C-alpha atoms as a PDB file:
ATOM      1  CA  MET A   1    -205.903  41.544  66.813  1.00  0.00           C
ATOM      2  CA  LEU A   2    -203.845  38.516  65.470  1.00  0.00           C
ATOM      3  CA  SER A   3    -203.915  38.382  61.384  1.00  0.00           C
ATOM      4  CA  LEU A   4    -204.291  34.537  60.658  1.00  0.00           C
ATOM      5  CA  GLU A   5    -201.125  34.329  58.524  1.00  0.00           C
ATOM      6  CA  ASP A   6    -199.074  36.618  62.221  1.00  0.00           C
ATOM      7  CA  GLU A   7    -200.877  33.692  64.462  1.00  0.00           C
ATOM      8  CA  HIS A   8    -199.563  30.621  62.229  1.00  0.00           C
ATOM      9  CA  LEU A   9    -196.363  32.371  62.852  1.00  0.00           C
ATOM     10  CA  LEU A  10    -196.349  32.436  65.922  1.00  0.00           C
ATOM     11  CA  ARG A  11    -197.567  28.723  66.535  1.00  0.00           C
ATOM     12  CA  GLN A  12    -195.068  27.541  64.562  1.00  0.00           C
ATOM     13  CA  LYS A  13    -192.934  29.812  66.794  1.00  0.00           C
ATOM     14  CA  LEU A  14    -194.202  28.726  70.126  1.00  0.00           C
ATOM     15  CA  PHE A  15    -194.010  24.743  68.409  1.00  0.00           C
ATOM     16  CA  ASP A  16    -190.418  25.114  67.915  1.00  0.00           C
ATOM     17  CA  LEU A  17    -189.189  26.717  71.780  1.00  0.00           C
ATOM     18  CA  ARG A  18    -191.217  23.879  73.208  1.00  0.00           C
ATOM     19  CA  GLN A  19    -189.294  21.467  70.940  1.00  0.00           C
ATOM     20  CA  GLU A  20    -186.070  22.937  71.815  1.00  0.00           C
ATOM     21  CA  HIS A  21    -186.759  23.882  75.340  1.00  0.00           C
ATOM     22  CA  ARG A  22    -187.391  19.274  74.831  1.00  0.00           C
ATOM     23  CA  ASP A  23    -184.898  18.661  73.064  1.00  0.00           C
ATOM     24  CA  LEU A  24    -182.253  21.182  75.597  1.00  0.00           C
ATOM     25  CA  ASP A  25    -183.989  19.333  78.647  1.00  0.00           C
ATOM     26  CA  THR A  26    -183.110  15.664  77.684  1.00  0.00           C
ATOM     27  CA  ALA A  27    -179.803  17.215  76.684  1.00  0.00           C
ATOM     28  CA  ILE A  28    -179.165  17.869  80.350  1.00  0.00           C
ATOM     29  CA  GLU A  29    -180.224  14.793  81.912  1.00  0.00           C
ATOM     30  CA  ALA A  30    -177.713  12.888  79.303  1.00  0.00           C
ATOM     31  CA  LEU A  31    -175.171  15.310  80.260  1.00  0.00           C
ATOM     32  CA  ARG A  32    -176.291  15.239  84.435  1.00  0.00           C
ATOM     33  CA  ALA A  33    -175.467  11.450  83.605  1.00  0.00           C
ATOM     34  CA  SER A  34    -171.887  11.268  81.853  1.00  0.00           C
ATOM     35  CA  PRO A  35    -169.253  10.168  84.152  1.00  0.00           C
ATOM     36  CA  THR A  36    -167.124  13.751  82.969  1.00  0.00           C
ATOM     37  CA  CYS A  37    -170.044  15.890  83.185  1.00  0.00           C
ATOM     38  CA  ASP A  38    -169.007  19.630  82.669  1.00  0.00           C
ATOM     39  CA  GLU A  39    -170.737  21.307  84.918  1.00  0.00           C
ATOM     40  CA  PHE A  40    -169.861  24.704  82.699  1.00  0.00           C
ATOM     41  CA  MET A  41    -171.498  23.399  80.020  1.00  0.00           C
ATOM     42  CA  LEU A  42    -174.397  22.559  82.269  1.00  0.00           C
ATOM     43  CA  SER A  43    -175.279  26.154  83.201  1.00  0.00           C
ATOM     44  CA  ARG A  44    -174.313  26.685  79.954  1.00  0.00           C
ATOM     45  CA  MET A  45    -177.227  25.005  79.111  1.00  0.00           C
ATOM     46  CA  LYS A  46    -180.112  25.485  82.043  1.00  0.00           C
ATOM     47  CA  LYS A  47    -179.704  28.656  81.563  1.00  0.00           C
ATOM     48  CA  ARG A  48    -180.726  28.808  77.617  1.00  0.00           C
ATOM     49  CA  LYS A  49    -183.332  26.500  78.898  1.00  0.00           C
ATOM     50  CA  LEU A  50    -184.506  30.003  80.779  1.00  0.00           C
ATOM     51  CA  LEU A  51    -184.491  31.355  78.683  1.00  0.00           C
ATOM     52  CA  LEU A  52    -186.474  29.693  76.420  1.00  0.00           C
ATOM     53  CA  LYS A  53    -189.341  29.256  78.345  1.00  0.00           C
ATOM     54  CA  ASP A  54    -189.689  32.833  79.058  1.00  0.00           C
ATOM     55  CA  MET A  55    -190.396  32.779  75.648  1.00  0.00           C
ATOM     56  CA  ILE A  56    -193.055  30.207  75.613  1.00  0.00           C
ATOM     57  CA  GLN A  57    -193.847  32.365  77.914  1.00  0.00           C
ATOM     58  CA  LYS A  58    -194.333  36.173  75.317  1.00  0.00           C
ATOM     59  CA  THR A  59    -195.181  33.876  72.558  1.00  0.00           C
ATOM     60  CA  SER A  60    -198.517  32.260  74.359  1.00  0.00           C
ATOM     61  CA  SER A  61    -198.991  35.919  75.823  1.00  0.00           C
ATOM     62  CA  GLN A  62    -199.394  36.479  72.447  1.00  0.00           C
ATOM     63  CA  LEU A  63    -201.518  34.272  71.471  1.00  0.00           C
ATOM     64  CA  ILE A  64    -204.700  35.110  73.224  1.00  0.00           C
ATOM     65  CA  PRO A  65    -206.645  37.729  72.244  1.00  0.00           C
ATOM     66  CA  ASP A  66    -207.464  41.504  74.866  1.00  0.00           C
ATOM     67  CA  MET A  67    -210.309  41.068  76.018  1.00  0.00           C
ATOM     68  CA  ASN A  68    -211.965  44.719  76.859  1.00  0.00           C
ATOM     69  CA  ALA A  69    -213.135  45.855  80.623  1.00  0.00           C
END
């Protein structure tokens, strides 16, 4: 069971990760629209976005209480 402080920290981390994910999505779209699109940078940004998605899922699952069957 998480303490209130731990839950607050996880929720803040989740908020920050989601914000970074959204910001990165915006940056990827802007880079794609650029006539001088750097494919290497685009690839790195997409990989970072996937990593963030995994981190969001992991953090979200930590907030779900364990259920004893």
